């Protein structure tokens, strides 16, 4: 499922929220930080509904929203797409890129080593 960057702002709020959220709650939470108007947020909600990323239930005269798409599933899909597009699906190429550009901190290197050891122990 393709979710735009703007739609992901709404999704991140819904994933972090507990329980159902009204459009007013969502607008109040995301619009100011993005410089969006209420209509923009409602357009994003409608797009997400059409994509079946969220669900809405009627509560009197308003709708309450909740995510249908799990964040973990979306992150997994985005990660695979990113890795495929930029690194030919090779995790080692991604790590090599960051290693060559010296963008890895010592803590990140230690975390990568721990992950590799965990993978080795499980194999």
C-alpha atoms as a PDB file:
ATOM      1  CA  UNK A   1       0.000   0.000   0.000  1.00  0.00           C
ATOM      2  CA  UNK A   2       1.408   3.366  -1.013  1.00  0.00           C
ATOM      3  CA  UNK A   3       1.019   6.070   1.591  1.00  0.00           C
ATOM      4  CA  UNK A   4       2.257   9.557   0.786  1.00  0.00           C
ATOM      5  CA  UNK A   5       4.481  11.513   3.138  1.00  0.00           C
ATOM      6  CA  UNK A   6       1.527  13.729   4.129  1.00  0.00           C
ATOM      7  CA  UNK A   7      -0.712  10.708   4.715  1.00  0.00           C
ATOM      8  CA  UNK A   8       2.008   9.159   6.868  1.00  0.00           C
ATOM      9  CA  UNK A   9       1.790  12.139   9.259  1.00  0.00           C
ATOM     10  CA  UNK A  10      -1.872  11.293   9.887  1.00  0.00           C
ATOM     11  CA  UNK A  11      -1.075   7.591  10.156  1.00  0.00           C
ATOM     12  CA  UNK A  12       1.716   8.191  12.683  1.00  0.00           C
ATOM     13  CA  UNK A  13      -0.730  10.102  14.867  1.00  0.00           C
ATOM     14  CA  UNK A  14      -3.331   7.326  14.630  1.00  0.00           C
ATOM     15  CA  UNK A  15      -0.754   4.625  15.346  1.00  0.00           C
ATOM     16  CA  UNK A  16       0.428   6.465  18.452  1.00  0.00           C
ATOM     17  CA  UNK A  17      -3.080   7.337  19.671  1.00  0.00           C
ATOM     18  CA  UNK A  18      -5.041   5.173  22.029  1.00  0.00           C
ATOM     19  CA  UNK A  19      -8.563   4.449  20.920  1.00  0.00           C
ATOM     20  CA  UNK A  20     -10.672   6.019  18.232  1.00  0.00           C
ATOM     21  CA  UNK A  21      -9.935   9.589  17.132  1.00  0.00           C
ATOM     22  CA  UNK A  22     -12.322  12.176  15.715  1.00  0.00           C
ATOM     23  CA  UNK A  23     -11.406  14.327  12.733  1.00  0.00           C
ATOM     24  CA  UNK A  24     -11.245  17.287  15.121  1.00  0.00           C
ATOM     25  CA  UNK A  25      -8.722  15.438  17.314  1.00  0.00           C
ATOM     26  CA  UNK A  26      -6.603  14.584  14.278  1.00  0.00           C
ATOM     27  CA  UNK A  27      -6.750  18.123  12.897  1.00  0.00           C
ATOM     28  CA  UNK A  28      -5.761  19.575  16.273  1.00  0.00           C
ATOM     29  CA  UNK A  29      -2.840  17.171  16.576  1.00  0.00           C
ATOM     30  CA  UNK A  30      -1.297  17.325  13.095  1.00  0.00           C
ATOM     31  CA  UNK A  31      -2.428  20.482  11.294  1.00  0.00           C
ATOM     32  CA  UNK A  32      -0.535  23.157  13.276  1.00  0.00           C
ATOM     33  CA  UNK A  33       2.845  21.445  12.991  1.00  0.00           C
ATOM     34  CA  UNK A  34       2.413  20.995   9.244  1.00  0.00           C
ATOM     35  CA  UNK A  35       0.822  24.347   8.457  1.00  0.00           C
ATOM     36  CA  UNK A  36      -2.272  22.545   7.165  1.00  0.00           C
ATOM     37  CA  UNK A  37      -5.873  23.674   7.130  1.00  0.00           C
ATOM     38  CA  UNK A  38      -8.698  21.475   8.400  1.00  0.00           C
ATOM     39  CA  UNK A  39      -9.740  20.688   4.819  1.00  0.00           C
ATOM     40  CA  UNK A  40      -6.272  19.293   4.067  1.00  0.00           C
ATOM     41  CA  UNK A  41      -6.441  16.853   6.975  1.00  0.00           C
ATOM     42  CA  UNK A  42      -9.948  15.770   5.995  1.00  0.00           C
ATOM     43  CA  UNK A  43      -8.766  15.183   2.420  1.00  0.00           C
ATOM     44  CA  UNK A  44      -5.950  13.019   3.759  1.00  0.00           C
ATOM     45  CA  UNK A  45      -8.417  11.080   5.910  1.00  0.00           C
ATOM     46  CA  UNK A  46     -10.613  10.439   2.855  1.00  0.00           C
ATOM     47  CA  UNK A  47      -7.619   9.235   0.839  1.00  0.00           C
ATOM     48  CA  UNK A  48      -6.597   6.875   3.636  1.00  0.00           C
ATOM     49  CA  UNK A  49     -10.161   5.567   3.863  1.00  0.00           C
ATOM     50  CA  UNK A  50     -10.206   4.840   0.122  1.00  0.00           C
ATOM     51  CA  UNK A  51      -6.899   3.002   0.442  1.00  0.00           C
ATOM     52  CA  UNK A  52      -8.342   1.056   3.406  1.00  0.00           C
ATOM     53  CA  UNK A  53      -5.401   2.141   5.562  1.00  0.00           C
ATOM     54  CA  UNK A  54      -7.888   3.448   8.150  1.00  0.00           C
ATOM     55  CA  UNK A  55     -11.444   2.673   9.174  1.00  0.00           C
ATOM     56  CA  UNK A  56     -14.184   5.042  10.277  1.00  0.00           C
ATOM     57  CA  UNK A  57     -17.201   4.434  12.454  1.00  0.00           C
ATOM     58  CA  UNK A  58     -20.110   6.784  12.931  1.00  0.00           C
ATOM     59  CA  UNK A  59     -20.581   8.368  16.355  1.00  0.00           C
ATOM     60  CA  UNK A  60     -23.639  10.583  16.164  1.00  0.00           C
ATOM     61  CA  UNK A  61     -22.870  13.343  13.673  1.00  0.00           C
ATOM     62  CA  UNK A  62     -19.154  12.655  13.501  1.00  0.00           C
ATOM     63  CA  UNK A  63     -16.818   9.862  12.488  1.00  0.00           C
ATOM     64  CA  UNK A  64     -14.178   8.217  14.601  1.00  0.00           C
ATOM     65  CA  UNK A  65     -11.034   6.892  12.932  1.00  0.00           C
ATOM     66  CA  UNK A  66      -8.602   4.099  13.639  1.00  0.00           C
ATOM     67  CA  UNK A  67      -5.769   2.528  11.675  1.00  0.00           C
ATOM     68  CA  UNK A  68      -6.432  -0.695   9.782  1.00  0.00           C
ATOM     69  CA  UNK A  69      -2.915  -0.930   8.452  1.00  0.00           C
ATOM     70  CA  UNK A  70      -0.406  -1.977  11.117  1.00  0.00           C
ATOM     71  CA  UNK A  71       2.617   0.292  11.420  1.00  0.00           C
ATOM     72  CA  UNK A  72       4.969  -2.693  11.398  1.00  0.00           C
ATOM     73  CA  UNK A  73       3.558  -3.896   8.061  1.00  0.00           C
ATOM     74  CA  UNK A  74       3.922  -0.432   6.532  1.00  0.00           C
ATOM     75  CA  UNK A  75       7.478   0.032   7.829  1.00  0.00           C
ATOM     76  CA  UNK A  76       8.426  -3.396   6.492  1.00  0.00           C
ATOM     77  CA  UNK A  77       7.020  -2.570   3.064  1.00  0.00           C
ATOM     78  CA  UNK A  78       8.699   0.854   3.005  1.00  0.00           C
ATOM     79  CA  UNK A  79      12.026  -0.656   4.088  1.00  0.00           C
ATOM     80  CA  UNK A  80      11.932  -3.329   1.382  1.00  0.00           C
ATOM     81  CA  UNK A  81      10.989  -0.757  -1.257  1.00  0.00           C
ATOM     82  CA  UNK A  82      13.794   1.593  -0.160  1.00  0.00           C
ATOM     83  CA  UNK A  83      16.360  -1.202  -0.091  1.00  0.00           C
ATOM     84  CA  UNK A  84      15.278  -2.488  -3.504  1.00  0.00           C
ATOM     85  CA  UNK A  85      15.260   0.951  -5.138  1.00  0.00           C
ATOM     86  CA  UNK A  86      18.541   2.266  -3.799  1.00  0.00           C
ATOM     87  CA  UNK A  87      20.654  -0.799  -3.017  1.00  0.00           C
ATOM     88  CA  UNK A  88      19.356  -3.565  -5.259  1.00  0.00           C
ATOM     89  CA  UNK A  89      17.829  -5.292  -2.250  1.00  0.00           C
ATOM     90  CA  UNK A  90      21.241  -5.744  -0.609  1.00  0.00           C
ATOM     91  CA  UNK A  91      21.445  -4.880   3.090  1.00  0.00           C
ATOM     92  CA  UNK A  92      25.237  -5.145   2.899  1.00  0.00           C
ATOM     93  CA  UNK A  93      25.298  -2.386   0.255  1.00  0.00           C
ATOM     94  CA  UNK A  94      23.280  -0.126   2.557  1.00  0.00           C
ATOM     95  CA  UNK A  95      25.614  -0.728   5.500  1.00  0.00           C
ATOM     96  CA  UNK A  96      28.672  -0.280   3.250  1.00  0.00           C
ATOM     97  CA  UNK A  97      27.349   3.074   2.073  1.00  0.00           C
ATOM     98  CA  UNK A  98      26.996   4.352   5.634  1.00  0.00           C
ATOM     99  CA  UNK A  99      30.325   2.859   6.607  1.00  0.00           C
ATOM    100  CA  UNK A 100      32.128   4.621   3.739  1.00  0.00           C
ATOM    101  CA  UNK A 101      30.490   7.942   4.502  1.00  0.00           C
ATOM    102  CA  UNK A 102      31.424   7.541   8.203  1.00  0.00           C
ATOM    103  CA  UNK A 103      27.827   8.169   9.217  1.00  0.00           C
ATOM    104  CA  UNK A 104      27.834   5.275  11.694  1.00  0.00           C
ATOM    105  CA  UNK A 105      28.494   6.047  15.337  1.00  0.00           C
ATOM    106  CA  UNK A 106      30.411   3.626  17.523  1.00  0.00           C
ATOM    107  CA  UNK A 107      27.147   2.712  19.242  1.00  0.00           C
ATOM    108  CA  UNK A 108      25.505   1.915  15.890  1.00  0.00           C
ATOM    109  CA  UNK A 109      28.464  -0.259  14.905  1.00  0.00           C
ATOM    110  CA  UNK A 110      28.166  -2.157  18.180  1.00  0.00           C
ATOM    111  CA  UNK A 111      24.416  -2.593  17.618  1.00  0.00           C
ATOM    112  CA  UNK A 112      25.051  -3.963  14.112  1.00  0.00           C
ATOM    113  CA  UNK A 113      27.647  -6.387  15.507  1.00  0.00           C
ATOM    114  CA  UNK A 114      25.156  -7.540  18.155  1.00  0.00           C
ATOM    115  CA  UNK A 115      22.496  -8.096  15.492  1.00  0.00           C
ATOM    116  CA  UNK A 116      24.909 -10.115  13.361  1.00  0.00           C
ATOM    117  CA  UNK A 117      25.879 -12.233  16.373  1.00  0.00           C
ATOM    118  CA  UNK A 118      22.201 -12.784  17.130  1.00  0.00           C
ATOM    119  CA  UNK A 119      21.611 -13.883  13.532  1.00  0.00           C
ATOM    120  CA  UNK A 120      24.646 -16.209  13.668  1.00  0.00           C
ATOM    121  CA  UNK A 121      23.464 -17.758  16.943  1.00  0.00           C
ATOM    122  CA  UNK A 122      20.029 -18.404  15.492  1.00  0.00           C
ATOM    123  CA  UNK A 123      21.308 -20.052  12.293  1.00  0.00           C
END
